[in-house]
C-alpha atoms as a PDB file:
ATOM      1  CA  MET A   1       7.558   5.378 105.832  1.00  0.00           C
ATOM      2  CA  LEU A   2       4.016   6.508 106.588  1.00  0.00           C
ATOM      3  CA  GLY A   3       1.985   6.868 103.380  1.00  0.00           C
ATOM      4  CA  ILE A   4      -1.208   8.942 103.130  1.00  0.00           C
ATOM      5  CA  GLU A   5      -3.467   8.599 100.070  1.00  0.00           C
ATOM      6  CA  THR A   6      -6.434  10.983  99.631  1.00  0.00           C
ATOM      7  CA  SER A   7      -6.596  11.670  95.893  1.00  0.00           C
ATOM      8  CA  CYS A   8     -10.268  10.845  95.348  1.00  0.00           C
ATOM      9  CA  ASP A   9     -12.818   8.809  97.303  1.00  0.00           C
ATOM     10  CA  GLU A  10     -10.667   6.463  99.386  1.00  0.00           C
ATOM     11  CA  THR A  11      -8.635   7.331 102.465  1.00  0.00           C
ATOM     12  CA  GLY A  12      -5.637   5.003 102.510  1.00  0.00           C
ATOM     13  CA  ILE A  13      -2.958   4.884 105.201  1.00  0.00           C
ATOM     14  CA  ALA A  14       0.013   2.527 105.507  1.00  0.00           C
ATOM     15  CA  VAL A  15       3.397   2.067 107.130  1.00  0.00           C
ATOM     16  CA  TYR A  16       6.007   0.392 104.933  1.00  0.00           C
ATOM     17  CA  ASP A  17       9.487  -0.638 106.044  1.00  0.00           C
ATOM     18  CA  SER A  18      12.164  -1.158 103.407  1.00  0.00           C
ATOM     19  CA  ARG A  19      13.537  -4.144 105.342  1.00  0.00           C
ATOM     20  CA  ASP A  20      10.442  -5.752 106.876  1.00  0.00           C
ATOM     21  CA  GLY A  21       7.805  -4.807 104.310  1.00  0.00           C
ATOM     22  CA  LEU A  22       4.268  -3.678 105.080  1.00  0.00           C
ATOM     23  CA  LEU A  23       3.783  -3.166 108.816  1.00  0.00           C
ATOM     24  CA  GLY A  24       0.237  -1.848 108.844  1.00  0.00           C
ATOM     25  CA  GLN A  25      -2.501  -0.545 106.549  1.00  0.00           C
ATOM     26  CA  ALA A  26      -6.072   0.737 106.662  1.00  0.00           C
ATOM     27  CA  LEU A  27      -8.498   1.892 104.010  1.00  0.00           C
ATOM     28  CA  HIS A  28     -11.831   3.676 104.145  1.00  0.00           C
ATOM     29  CA  SER A  29     -13.971   3.718 100.995  1.00  0.00           C
ATOM     30  CA  GLN A  30     -16.561   6.428 100.375  1.00  0.00           C
ATOM     31  CA  ILE A  31     -18.749   4.289  98.103  1.00  0.00           C
ATOM     32  CA  ALA A  32     -21.757   4.488 100.414  1.00  0.00           C
ATOM     33  CA  LEU A  33     -21.344   8.262 100.754  1.00  0.00           C
ATOM     34  CA  HIS A  34     -21.447   8.910  97.001  1.00  0.00           C
ATOM     35  CA  ARG A  35     -23.839   6.148  95.893  1.00  0.00           C
ATOM     36  CA  ASP A  36     -26.963   8.340  95.973  1.00  0.00           C
ATOM     37  CA  TYR A  37     -25.271  10.820  93.628  1.00  0.00           C
ATOM     38  CA  GLY A  38     -24.084   8.257  91.107  1.00  0.00           C
ATOM     39  CA  GLY A  39     -20.505   9.534  91.300  1.00  0.00           C
ATOM     40  CA  VAL A  40     -17.935  11.278  93.478  1.00  0.00           C
ATOM     41  CA  VAL A  41     -18.972  14.655  94.914  1.00  0.00           C
ATOM     42  CA  PRO A  42     -15.642  16.479  95.491  1.00  0.00           C
ATOM     43  CA  GLU A  43     -16.760  18.573  98.471  1.00  0.00           C
ATOM     44  CA  LEU A  44     -18.189  15.545 100.274  1.00  0.00           C
ATOM     45  CA  ALA A  45     -15.048  13.568  99.490  1.00  0.00           C
ATOM     46  CA  SER A  46     -12.817  16.244 101.038  1.00  0.00           C
ATOM     47  CA  ARG A  47     -14.919  16.494 104.189  1.00  0.00           C
ATOM     48  CA  ASP A  48     -14.915  12.748 104.660  1.00  0.00           C
ATOM     49  CA  HIS A  49     -11.128  12.604 104.302  1.00  0.00           C
ATOM     50  CA  ILE A  50     -10.874  15.220 107.069  1.00  0.00           C
ATOM     51  CA  ALA A  51     -12.979  13.040 109.372  1.00  0.00           C
ATOM     52  CA  ARG A  52     -11.181   9.775 108.577  1.00  0.00           C
ATOM     53  CA  VAL A  53      -7.502  10.439 108.050  1.00  0.00           C
ATOM     54  CA  LEU A  54      -6.232  10.949 111.629  1.00  0.00           C
ATOM     55  CA  PRO A  55      -8.168   8.013 113.164  1.00  0.00           C
ATOM     56  CA  LEU A  56      -6.797   5.810 110.385  1.00  0.00           C
ATOM     57  CA  VAL A  57      -3.251   7.039 111.033  1.00  0.00           C
ATOM     58  CA  ASP A  58      -3.680   6.108 114.700  1.00  0.00           C
ATOM     59  CA  GLU A  59      -5.036   2.686 113.716  1.00  0.00           C
ATOM     60  CA  VAL A  60      -2.137   1.932 111.385  1.00  0.00           C
ATOM     61  CA  LEU A  61       0.528   3.083 113.835  1.00  0.00           C
ATOM     62  CA  GLU A  62      -1.048   0.820 116.442  1.00  0.00           C
ATOM     63  CA  GLN A  63      -0.956  -2.102 113.975  1.00  0.00           C
ATOM     64  CA  ALA A  64       2.722  -1.397 113.322  1.00  0.00           C
ATOM     65  CA  ARG A  65       3.409  -0.951 117.054  1.00  0.00           C
ATOM     66  CA  LEU A  66       5.070   2.359 116.334  1.00  0.00           C
ATOM     67  CA  ASP A  67       4.854   5.884 117.608  1.00  0.00           C
ATOM     68  CA  LEU A  68       4.860   8.791 115.178  1.00  0.00           C
ATOM     69  CA  ARG A  69       8.446   9.654 116.176  1.00  0.00           C
ATOM     70  CA  ASP A  70       9.575   6.107 115.323  1.00  0.00           C
ATOM     71  CA  LEU A  71       9.030   6.826 111.632  1.00  0.00           C
ATOM     72  CA  ASP A  72      11.762   7.933 109.244  1.00  0.00           C
ATOM     73  CA  ALA A  73       9.559  10.011 106.916  1.00  0.00           C
ATOM     74  CA  ILE A  74       5.990  10.772 105.882  1.00  0.00           C
ATOM     75  CA  ALA A  75       4.705  10.655 102.303  1.00  0.00           C
ATOM     76  CA  TYR A  76       1.480  11.928 100.785  1.00  0.00           C
ATOM     77  CA  THR A  77      -0.192  11.866  97.383  1.00  0.00           C
ATOM     78  CA  ARG A  78       0.735  15.127  95.700  1.00  0.00           C
ATOM     79  CA  GLY A  79      -1.364  14.494  92.568  1.00  0.00           C
ATOM     80  CA  PRO A  80      -3.072  13.997  90.269  1.00  0.00           C
ATOM     81  CA  GLY A  81      -6.533  13.955  91.811  1.00  0.00           C
ATOM     82  CA  LEU A  82      -9.281  16.136  93.271  1.00  0.00           C
ATOM     83  CA  ALA A  83      -7.753  19.375  94.550  1.00  0.00           C
ATOM     84  CA  GLY A  84      -9.675  19.491  97.816  1.00  0.00           C
ATOM     85  CA  ALA A  85      -9.041  15.844  98.595  1.00  0.00           C
ATOM     86  CA  LEU A  86      -5.327  16.181  97.846  1.00  0.00           C
ATOM     87  CA  LEU A  87      -5.063  19.212 100.117  1.00  0.00           C
ATOM     88  CA  VAL A  88      -6.420  17.206 103.047  1.00  0.00           C
ATOM     89  CA  GLY A  89      -3.734  14.535 102.750  1.00  0.00           C
ATOM     90  CA  ALA A  90      -0.970  17.032 102.041  1.00  0.00           C
ATOM     91  CA  GLY A  91      -1.936  19.281 104.950  1.00  0.00           C
ATOM     92  CA  VAL A  92      -2.218  16.440 107.441  1.00  0.00           C
ATOM     93  CA  ALA A  93       1.072  14.904 106.279  1.00  0.00           C
ATOM     94  CA  ALA A  94       2.881  18.245 106.645  1.00  0.00           C
ATOM     95  CA  ALA A  95       1.411  18.841 110.112  1.00  0.00           C
ATOM     96  CA  LEU A  96       2.360  15.370 111.355  1.00  0.00           C
ATOM     97  CA  ALA A  97       5.864  15.668 109.886  1.00  0.00           C
ATOM     98  CA  MET A  98       6.386  19.047 111.523  1.00  0.00           C
ATOM     99  CA  ALA A  99       5.078  17.799 114.884  1.00  0.00           C
ATOM    100  CA  ALA A 100       7.507  14.868 114.885  1.00  0.00           C
ATOM    101  CA  ASP A 101      10.379  16.661 113.088  1.00  0.00           C
ATOM    102  CA  LEU A 102      10.247  14.164 110.209  1.00  0.00           C
ATOM    103  CA  PRO A 103      11.033  14.700 106.527  1.00  0.00           C
ATOM    104  CA  LEU A 104       8.143  15.031 104.071  1.00  0.00           C
ATOM    105  CA  LEU A 105       7.770  13.655 100.526  1.00  0.00           C
ATOM    106  CA  GLY A 106       5.164  14.151  97.812  1.00  0.00           C
ATOM    107  CA  VAL A 107       4.306  11.140  95.614  1.00  0.00           C
ATOM    108  CA  HIS A 108       2.799  10.870  92.137  1.00  0.00           C
ATOM    109  CA  HIS A 109      -0.436   8.902  92.435  1.00  0.00           C
ATOM    110  CA  LEU A 110       0.044   7.081  89.134  1.00  0.00           C
ATOM    111  CA  GLU A 111       3.606   6.071  89.954  1.00  0.00           C
ATOM    112  CA  GLY A 112       2.186   4.555  93.135  1.00  0.00           C
ATOM    113  CA  HIS A 113      -0.211   2.485  91.045  1.00  0.00           C
ATOM    114  CA  LEU A 114       2.499   1.557  88.556  1.00  0.00           C
ATOM    115  CA  LEU A 115       4.792   0.262  91.306  1.00  0.00           C
ATOM    116  CA  SER A 116       2.058  -1.538  93.292  1.00  0.00           C
ATOM    117  CA  PRO A 117       2.672  -4.950  91.639  1.00  0.00           C
ATOM    118  CA  LEU A 118       6.312  -4.693  92.773  1.00  0.00           C
ATOM    119  CA  LEU A 119       5.128  -4.211  96.334  1.00  0.00           C
ATOM    120  CA  ALA A 120       3.720  -7.750  96.298  1.00  0.00           C
ATOM    121  CA  GLN A 121       6.432  -9.174  94.007  1.00  0.00           C
ATOM    122  CA  PRO A 122       9.745  -7.538  95.009  1.00  0.00           C
ATOM    123  CA  GLU A 123      11.637  -9.823  92.642  1.00  0.00           C
ATOM    124  CA  LEU A 124       9.936  -8.116  89.691  1.00  0.00           C
ATOM    125  CA  GLY A 125      12.366  -5.677  88.105  1.00  0.00           C
ATOM    126  CA  PHE A 126      12.699  -3.203  85.272  1.00  0.00           C
ATOM    127  CA  PRO A 127      12.251  -2.860  82.338  1.00  0.00           C
ATOM    128  CA  PHE A 128       8.621  -3.694  81.586  1.00  0.00           C
ATOM    129  CA  VAL A 129       5.534  -2.477  79.766  1.00  0.00           C
ATOM    130  CA  ALA A 130       2.881  -1.073  82.089  1.00  0.00           C
ATOM    131  CA  LEU A 131      -0.842  -0.990  81.372  1.00  0.00           C
ATOM    132  CA  LEU A 132      -2.171   1.644  83.749  1.00  0.00           C
ATOM    133  CA  VAL A 133      -5.966   1.648  83.961  1.00  0.00           C
ATOM    134  CA  SER A 134      -6.898   3.765  86.944  1.00  0.00           C
ATOM    135  CA  GLY A 135     -10.055   5.899  87.220  1.00  0.00           C
ATOM    136  CA  GLY A 136      -9.812   8.541  84.516  1.00  0.00           C
ATOM    137  CA  HIS A 137      -6.471   7.236  83.220  1.00  0.00           C
ATOM    138  CA  THR A 138      -5.758   4.623  80.563  1.00  0.00           C
ATOM    139  CA  MET A 139      -2.213   4.476  79.244  1.00  0.00           C
ATOM    140  CA  LEU A 140       0.582   2.207  78.130  1.00  0.00           C
ATOM    141  CA  LEU A 141       4.083   3.003  79.357  1.00  0.00           C
ATOM    142  CA  ARG A 142       7.554   1.635  78.858  1.00  0.00           C
ATOM    143  CA  ALA A 143       9.071   1.593  82.349  1.00  0.00           C
ATOM    144  CA  SER A 144      12.812   1.435  81.727  1.00  0.00           C
ATOM    145  CA  GLU A 145      13.823   2.078  85.335  1.00  0.00           C
ATOM    146  CA  LEU A 146      12.464   3.719  88.434  1.00  0.00           C
ATOM    147  CA  GLY A 147      11.326   7.230  87.531  1.00  0.00           C
ATOM    148  CA  ARG A 148      11.896   6.767  83.796  1.00  0.00           C
ATOM    149  CA  TYR A 149       8.555   6.165  82.080  1.00  0.00           C
ATOM    150  CA  GLU A 150       7.989   6.598  78.352  1.00  0.00           C
ATOM    151  CA  LEU A 151       4.398   7.065  77.205  1.00  0.00           C
ATOM    152  CA  MET A 152       3.529   4.598  74.428  1.00  0.00           C
ATOM    153  CA  GLY A 153      -0.199   5.260  74.167  1.00  0.00           C
ATOM    154  CA  GLU A 154      -3.084   6.805  76.065  1.00  0.00           C
ATOM    155  CA  THR A 155      -6.785   7.469  75.766  1.00  0.00           C
ATOM    156  CA  VAL A 156      -7.864  10.312  73.499  1.00  0.00           C
ATOM    157  CA  ASP A 157     -11.239  10.693  75.244  1.00  0.00           C
ATOM    158  CA  ASP A 158     -12.932   8.495  77.856  1.00  0.00           C
ATOM    159  CA  ALA A 159     -10.749   6.154  79.872  1.00  0.00           C
ATOM    160  CA  ALA A 160     -11.611   2.474  80.246  1.00  0.00           C
ATOM    161  CA  GLY A 161     -12.830   2.998  83.803  1.00  0.00           C
ATOM    162  CA  GLU A 162     -15.106   5.807  82.628  1.00  0.00           C
ATOM    163  CA  ALA A 163     -16.454   3.578  79.859  1.00  0.00           C
ATOM    164  CA  PHE A 164     -17.340   0.925  82.436  1.00  0.00           C
ATOM    165  CA  ASP A 165     -18.940   3.427  84.810  1.00  0.00           C
ATOM    166  CA  LYS A 166     -20.882   5.402  82.200  1.00  0.00           C
ATOM    167  CA  SER A 167     -22.157   2.260  80.473  1.00  0.00           C
ATOM    168  CA  ALA A 168     -23.235   0.885  83.847  1.00  0.00           C
ATOM    169  CA  LYS A 169     -25.203   4.054  84.517  1.00  0.00           C
ATOM    170  CA  LEU A 170     -26.929   3.756  81.125  1.00  0.00           C
ATOM    171  CA  LEU A 171     -27.924   0.221  82.103  1.00  0.00           C
ATOM    172  CA  GLY A 172     -29.440   1.470  85.339  1.00  0.00           C
ATOM    173  CA  LEU A 173     -26.754  -0.006  87.579  1.00  0.00           C
ATOM    174  CA  GLY A 174     -25.551   1.431  90.862  1.00  0.00           C
ATOM    175  CA  TYR A 175     -22.312   3.116  91.849  1.00  0.00           C
ATOM    176  CA  PRO A 176     -19.506   2.208  91.433  1.00  0.00           C
ATOM    177  CA  GLY A 177     -20.506   1.084  87.975  1.00  0.00           C
ATOM    178  CA  GLY A 178     -17.522  -1.004  86.869  1.00  0.00           C
ATOM    179  CA  PRO A 179     -17.890  -3.852  89.382  1.00  0.00           C
ATOM    180  CA  GLU A 180     -21.695  -3.777  88.999  1.00  0.00           C
ATOM    181  CA  LEU A 181     -21.405  -4.114  85.223  1.00  0.00           C
ATOM    182  CA  ALA A 182     -18.951  -7.013  85.581  1.00  0.00           C
ATOM    183  CA  ARG A 183     -21.357  -8.833  87.902  1.00  0.00           C
ATOM    184  CA  LEU A 184     -24.275  -8.348  85.494  1.00  0.00           C
ATOM    185  CA  ALA A 185     -22.104  -9.391  82.532  1.00  0.00           C
ATOM    186  CA  ALA A 186     -21.521 -12.773  84.186  1.00  0.00           C
ATOM    187  CA  ARG A 187     -25.184 -13.572  83.428  1.00  0.00           C
ATOM    188  CA  GLY A 188     -25.015 -12.341  79.843  1.00  0.00           C
ATOM    189  CA  ARG A 189     -25.018 -14.486  76.699  1.00  0.00           C
ATOM    190  CA  ALA A 190     -21.901 -14.304  74.562  1.00  0.00           C
ATOM    191  CA  GLY A 191     -22.436 -12.765  71.133  1.00  0.00           C
ATOM    192  CA  ALA A 192     -25.935 -11.465  71.808  1.00  0.00           C
ATOM    193  CA  PHE A 193     -24.866  -7.946  70.806  1.00  0.00           C
ATOM    194  CA  GLU A 194     -22.015  -6.597  68.724  1.00  0.00           C
ATOM    195  CA  LEU A 195     -20.473  -3.327  69.860  1.00  0.00           C
ATOM    196  CA  PRO A 196     -17.662  -1.265  68.291  1.00  0.00           C
ATOM    197  CA  ARG A 197     -14.067  -1.554  69.405  1.00  0.00           C
ATOM    198  CA  PRO A 198     -12.628   1.892  68.618  1.00  0.00           C
ATOM    199  CA  LYS A 199      -8.969   2.030  67.522  1.00  0.00           C
ATOM    200  CA  LEU A 200      -8.615  -1.719  67.916  1.00  0.00           C
ATOM    201  CA  HIS A 201      -6.685  -1.992  64.637  1.00  0.00           C
ATOM    202  CA  SER A 202      -5.098   1.459  64.544  1.00  0.00           C
ATOM    203  CA  GLU A 203      -1.391   1.870  63.922  1.00  0.00           C
ATOM    204  CA  ASP A 204      -0.871   3.684  67.208  1.00  0.00           C
ATOM    205  CA  LEU A 205      -1.242   2.454  70.781  1.00  0.00           C
ATOM    206  CA  ASP A 206      -3.864   5.004  71.782  1.00  0.00           C
ATOM    207  CA  PHE A 207      -7.324   4.201  73.150  1.00  0.00           C
ATOM    208  CA  SER A 208     -10.789   5.665  72.577  1.00  0.00           C
ATOM    209  CA  PHE A 209     -13.932   4.626  74.434  1.00  0.00           C
ATOM    210  CA  ALA A 210     -16.349   7.549  73.910  1.00  0.00           C
ATOM    211  CA  GLY A 211     -17.839   5.943  70.785  1.00  0.00           C
ATOM    212  CA  LEU A 212     -18.475   2.710  72.665  1.00  0.00           C
ATOM    213  CA  LYS A 213     -20.434   4.591  75.326  1.00  0.00           C
ATOM    214  CA  THR A 214     -22.576   6.170  72.565  1.00  0.00           C
ATOM    215  CA  ALA A 215     -23.213   2.736  71.048  1.00  0.00           C
ATOM    216  CA  VAL A 216     -24.373   1.412  74.427  1.00  0.00           C
ATOM    217  CA  LEU A 217     -26.715   4.393  74.797  1.00  0.00           C
ATOM    218  CA  THR A 218     -28.189   3.716  71.353  1.00  0.00           C
ATOM    219  CA  ARG A 219     -28.769   0.056  72.191  1.00  0.00           C
ATOM    220  CA  VAL A 220     -30.414   0.875  75.513  1.00  0.00           C
ATOM    221  CA  ARG A 221     -32.830   3.235  73.769  1.00  0.00           C
ATOM    222  CA  GLN A 222     -33.612   0.646  71.118  1.00  0.00           C
ATOM    223  CA  LEU A 223     -34.309  -2.072  73.660  1.00  0.00           C
ATOM    224  CA  GLY A 224     -36.201   0.036  76.207  1.00  0.00           C
ATOM    225  CA  GLY A 225     -39.940   0.546  76.312  1.00  0.00           C
ATOM    226  CA  ALA A 226     -41.758   3.420  74.647  1.00  0.00           C
ATOM    227  CA  ASP A 227     -41.997   5.185  78.007  1.00  0.00           C
ATOM    228  CA  GLY A 228     -38.231   5.064  78.493  1.00  0.00           C
ATOM    229  CA  ALA A 229     -38.331   1.935  80.661  1.00  0.00           C
ATOM    230  CA  PRO A 230     -35.076  -0.025  80.911  1.00  0.00           C
ATOM    231  CA  PRO A 231     -34.561  -3.122  78.727  1.00  0.00           C
ATOM    232  CA  PRO A 232     -35.590  -6.539  80.084  1.00  0.00           C
ATOM    233  CA  GLU A 233     -33.149  -8.055  82.582  1.00  0.00           C
ATOM    234  CA  GLN A 234     -31.646 -10.650  80.244  1.00  0.00           C
ATOM    235  CA  GLN A 235     -31.034  -8.095  77.524  1.00  0.00           C
ATOM    236  CA  ARG A 236     -29.385  -5.806  80.070  1.00  0.00           C
ATOM    237  CA  ALA A 237     -27.103  -8.686  81.062  1.00  0.00           C
ATOM    238  CA  ASP A 238     -26.327  -9.436  77.416  1.00  0.00           C
ATOM    239  CA  LEU A 239     -25.491  -5.803  76.742  1.00  0.00           C
ATOM    240  CA  ALA A 240     -23.310  -5.639  79.870  1.00  0.00           C
ATOM    241  CA  ALA A 241     -21.406  -8.696  78.643  1.00  0.00           C
ATOM    242  CA  ALA A 242     -20.958  -7.152  75.188  1.00  0.00           C
ATOM    243  CA  THR A 243     -19.692  -3.919  76.740  1.00  0.00           C
ATOM    244  CA  GLN A 244     -17.174  -5.734  78.912  1.00  0.00           C
ATOM    245  CA  GLU A 245     -15.976  -7.778  75.935  1.00  0.00           C
ATOM    246  CA  ALA A 246     -15.454  -4.668  73.813  1.00  0.00           C
ATOM    247  CA  ILE A 247     -13.478  -2.802  76.482  1.00  0.00           C
ATOM    248  CA  THR A 248     -11.305  -5.740  77.469  1.00  0.00           C
ATOM    249  CA  ASP A 249     -10.676  -6.743  73.832  1.00  0.00           C
ATOM    250  CA  VAL A 250      -9.171  -3.320  73.144  1.00  0.00           C
ATOM    251  CA  LEU A 251      -7.102  -3.229  76.329  1.00  0.00           C
ATOM    252  CA  ALA A 252      -5.674  -6.719  75.762  1.00  0.00           C
ATOM    253  CA  ALA A 253      -4.930  -6.120  72.083  1.00  0.00           C
ATOM    254  CA  LYS A 254      -3.156  -2.810  72.709  1.00  0.00           C
ATOM    255  CA  ALA A 255      -1.139  -4.277  75.589  1.00  0.00           C
ATOM    256  CA  ALA A 256      -0.007  -7.145  73.352  1.00  0.00           C
ATOM    257  CA  ALA A 257       0.916  -4.680  70.595  1.00  0.00           C
ATOM    258  CA  ALA A 258       2.958  -2.652  73.094  1.00  0.00           C
ATOM    259  CA  LEU A 259       4.893  -5.768  74.100  1.00  0.00           C
ATOM    260  CA  ARG A 260       5.623  -6.602  70.473  1.00  0.00           C
ATOM    261  CA  ARG A 261       6.676  -3.054  69.648  1.00  0.00           C
ATOM    262  CA  SER A 262       8.924  -2.703  72.710  1.00  0.00           C
ATOM    263  CA  GLY A 263      10.528  -6.125  72.422  1.00  0.00           C
ATOM    264  CA  LEU A 264       9.927  -6.624  76.152  1.00  0.00           C
ATOM    265  CA  ARG A 265       8.383  -9.759  77.624  1.00  0.00           C
ATOM    266  CA  THR A 266       7.033  -8.454  80.922  1.00  0.00           C
ATOM    267  CA  LEU A 267       3.678  -6.707  81.329  1.00  0.00           C
ATOM    268  CA  VAL A 268       2.642  -5.024  84.575  1.00  0.00           C
ATOM    269  CA  VAL A 269      -1.024  -4.130  85.053  1.00  0.00           C
ATOM    270  CA  ALA A 270      -2.096  -1.574  87.651  1.00  0.00           C
ATOM    271  CA  GLY A 271      -5.182   0.424  88.571  1.00  0.00           C
ATOM    272  CA  GLY A 272      -8.788  -0.343  89.429  1.00  0.00           C
ATOM    273  CA  VAL A 273      -9.785  -1.817  86.053  1.00  0.00           C
ATOM    274  CA  GLY A 274      -6.929  -4.291  86.511  1.00  0.00           C
ATOM    275  CA  ALA A 275      -9.196  -6.089  88.990  1.00  0.00           C
ATOM    276  CA  ASN A 276     -11.595  -7.065  86.187  1.00  0.00           C
ATOM    277  CA  LEU A 277     -11.378 -10.848  85.896  1.00  0.00           C
ATOM    278  CA  ARG A 278     -12.322 -10.951  82.207  1.00  0.00           C
ATOM    279  CA  LEU A 279      -9.497  -8.534  81.419  1.00  0.00           C
ATOM    280  CA  ARG A 280      -7.084 -10.714  83.364  1.00  0.00           C
ATOM    281  CA  GLU A 281      -8.175 -13.794  81.387  1.00  0.00           C
ATOM    282  CA  LYS A 282      -7.507 -12.039  78.082  1.00  0.00           C
ATOM    283  CA  LEU A 283      -4.178 -10.569  79.157  1.00  0.00           C
ATOM    284  CA  ASP A 284      -3.051 -13.958  80.455  1.00  0.00           C
ATOM    285  CA  ALA A 285      -3.934 -15.539  77.110  1.00  0.00           C
ATOM    286  CA  ALA A 286      -2.296 -12.787  75.044  1.00  0.00           C
ATOM    287  CA  CYS A 287       0.919 -12.933  77.050  1.00  0.00           C
ATOM    288  CA  ALA A 288       1.025 -16.723  76.863  1.00  0.00           C
ATOM    289  CA  THR A 289       0.859 -16.477  73.062  1.00  0.00           C
ATOM    290  CA  LEU A 290       3.749 -13.982  73.049  1.00  0.00           C
ATOM    291  CA  GLY A 291       5.832 -15.916  75.547  1.00  0.00           C
ATOM    292  CA  ALA A 292       5.520 -12.995  77.959  1.00  0.00           C
ATOM    293  CA  ARG A 293       4.619 -12.803  81.637  1.00  0.00           C
ATOM    294  CA  VAL A 294       1.957 -10.567  83.132  1.00  0.00           C
ATOM    295  CA  HIS A 295       1.916  -9.324  86.720  1.00  0.00           C
ATOM    296  CA  TYR A 296      -0.969  -7.825  88.690  1.00  0.00           C
ATOM    297  CA  PRO A 297      -1.155  -6.296  92.154  1.00  0.00           C
ATOM    298  CA  PRO A 298      -3.328  -8.186  94.654  1.00  0.00           C
ATOM    299  CA  LEU A 299      -6.991  -7.243  94.230  1.00  0.00           C
ATOM    300  CA  GLN A 300      -6.930  -5.198  97.442  1.00  0.00           C
ATOM    301  CA  TRP A 301      -4.236  -2.954  95.949  1.00  0.00           C
ATOM    302  CA  CYS A 302      -5.817  -2.396  92.534  1.00  0.00           C
ATOM    303  CA  THR A 303      -7.822   0.573  93.808  1.00  0.00           C
ATOM    304  CA  ASP A 304      -6.314   3.585  95.590  1.00  0.00           C
ATOM    305  CA  ASN A 305      -4.478   2.605  98.764  1.00  0.00           C
ATOM    306  CA  GLY A 306      -1.884   3.703 101.291  1.00  0.00           C
ATOM    307  CA  PRO A 307       0.719   0.970 100.737  1.00  0.00           C
ATOM    308  CA  MET A 308       1.421   2.070  97.156  1.00  0.00           C
ATOM    309  CA  ILE A 309       2.186   5.623  98.327  1.00  0.00           C
ATOM    310  CA  ALA A 310       4.455   4.531 101.174  1.00  0.00           C
ATOM    311  CA  TYR A 311       6.228   2.032  98.902  1.00  0.00           C
ATOM    312  CA  ALA A 312       6.745   4.476  96.024  1.00  0.00           C
ATOM    313  CA  ALA A 313       8.157   7.054  98.443  1.00  0.00           C
ATOM    314  CA  CYS A 314      10.594   4.495  99.872  1.00  0.00           C
ATOM    315  CA  ARG A 315      11.768   3.431  96.429  1.00  0.00           C
ATOM    316  CA  ARG A 316      12.324   6.987  95.203  1.00  0.00           C
ATOM    317  CA  LEU A 317      14.096   8.064  98.388  1.00  0.00           C
ATOM    318  CA  GLN A 318      16.418   5.068  98.346  1.00  0.00           C
ATOM    319  CA  ALA A 319      17.216   5.600  94.658  1.00  0.00           C
ATOM    320  CA  GLY A 320      18.079   9.248  95.212  1.00  0.00           C
ATOM    321  CA  LEU A 321      15.179  10.408  93.022  1.00  0.00           C
ATOM    322  CA  ALA A 322      13.496  12.436  95.761  1.00  0.00           C
ATOM    323  CA  ARG A 323      14.667  14.755  98.488  1.00  0.00           C
ATOM    324  CA  ALA A 324      12.971  14.470 101.847  1.00  0.00           C
ATOM    325  CA  ARG A 325      12.534  18.000 103.140  1.00  0.00           C
ATOM    326  CA  HIS A 326      12.050  19.551 106.548  1.00  0.00           C
ATOM    327  CA  ASP A 327      10.654  22.929 105.455  1.00  0.00           C
ATOM    328  CA  TYR A 328       7.064  21.581 105.419  1.00  0.00           C
ATOM    329  CA  ALA A 329       6.013  23.764 102.503  1.00  0.00           C
ATOM    330  CA  PHE A 330       3.701  21.412 100.632  1.00  0.00           C
ATOM    331  CA  ASP A 331       1.994  21.689  97.281  1.00  0.00           C
ATOM    332  CA  ILE A 332      -0.412  19.648  95.200  1.00  0.00           C
ATOM    333  CA  GLN A 333      -0.764  19.014  91.474  1.00  0.00           C
ATOM    334  CA  PRO A 334      -4.362  18.052  90.565  1.00  0.00           C
ATOM    335  CA  ARG A 335      -3.193  17.706  86.971  1.00  0.00           C
ATOM    336  CA  TRP A 336       0.199  16.063  86.712  1.00  0.00           C
ATOM    337  CA  ASP A 337       1.449  14.154  83.700  1.00  0.00           C
ATOM    338  CA  LEU A 338       3.544  11.128  84.656  1.00  0.00           C
ATOM    339  CA  SER A 339       6.089  12.126  82.006  1.00  0.00           C
ATOM    340  CA  GLU A 340       6.677  15.338  84.008  1.00  0.00           C
ATOM    341  CA  LEU A 341       7.821  13.344  87.031  1.00  0.00           C
ATOM    342  CA  GLY A 342      11.348  14.538  87.507  1.00  0.00           C
ATOM    343  CA  VAL A 343      14.162  13.535  89.787  1.00  0.00           C
ATOM    344  CA  ASP A 344      12.649  15.396  92.730  1.00  0.00           C
ATOM    345  CA  ALA A 345       8.986  14.739  93.574  1.00  0.00           C
ATOM    346  CA  ALA A 346       9.339  16.307  97.000  1.00  0.00           C
ATOM    347  CA  PRO A 347       7.058  19.150  98.032  1.00  0.00           C
ATOM    348  CA  GLY A 348       7.939  22.763  97.710  1.00  0.00           C
ATOM    349  CA  GLY A 349       6.390  25.919  96.376  1.00  0.00           C
ATOM    350  CA  ARG A 350       2.844  27.102  96.571  1.00  0.00           C
ATOM    351  CA  ALA A 351      -0.258  24.989  96.091  1.00  0.00           C
ATOM    352  CA  SER A 352      -1.277  24.302  92.507  1.00  0.00           C
ATOM    353  CA  GLU A 353      -4.753  25.142  91.312  1.00  0.00           C
ATOM    354  CA  ALA A 354      -7.189  22.731  89.653  1.00  0.00           C
END
């Protein structure tokens, strides 16, 4: 299975074999391209995918020592994501599949993330609670079996990744903000600032991080100079540490509550924020207290990548949850709720609009 991932600002390509595992992978990040803008510029992202995707396909096929016609199928990220970026991957996947007379499958980006820990740990099985913290998504799911995901809680405003990125920008840090904030937080003093933890003790399993971002903004203004200068370096580090503590406290507490409520003893963490080491420390501790086990994908597969798309497509095809088609009519879904993922995630119909 050739997997093509182009949902946002990373071009990921991989070949996965259901018997022999991952045969080849390549990833191009657009961080340098978007850094001057402080965030992803959709038009630039789409153009860069166009330039990168075919050379990366050639590179991965060479790694796998395969020709295009040696493949059994081609999969692409159907959504959610940036419309223009998704269209690049979908169009290229359809063209390659048609050229080699191969079946074509569309994959849900978030299901790819959710299954990525299983790619590295094939012995891990269902059911489990999933904490999915990817880009603009923060949610807790009960994964009963492949393709059957029950939403337990989600963010009502900003996602955790957005809270990291926006707080980093307020602190004058570069893009991408989350890793930069984590690095600065390592030099911060514990307890120097107290920040709110919205919905930490609520009855539900939902998240809210917009109020935290506002609190960080207020602190930055209080600590900065009269001319709007940024706070001194140590205070910036202290505030970064306080921000990281607040976000990870909420994520760990809600994940633990989801385990208790579900009665399950396995937690799977996926998505870019899952790479945060402080979050991993807290989740490890919370699960140890509950007698539960927590599983993470390798750091290289926390962000968007090709292997998760190829793997998810293989799993769904083998389980009879997707039909591989030869009509090459592809579509995209820039907005696509994971709960809407039906038995057939294969392409078909006209392109969705953002």
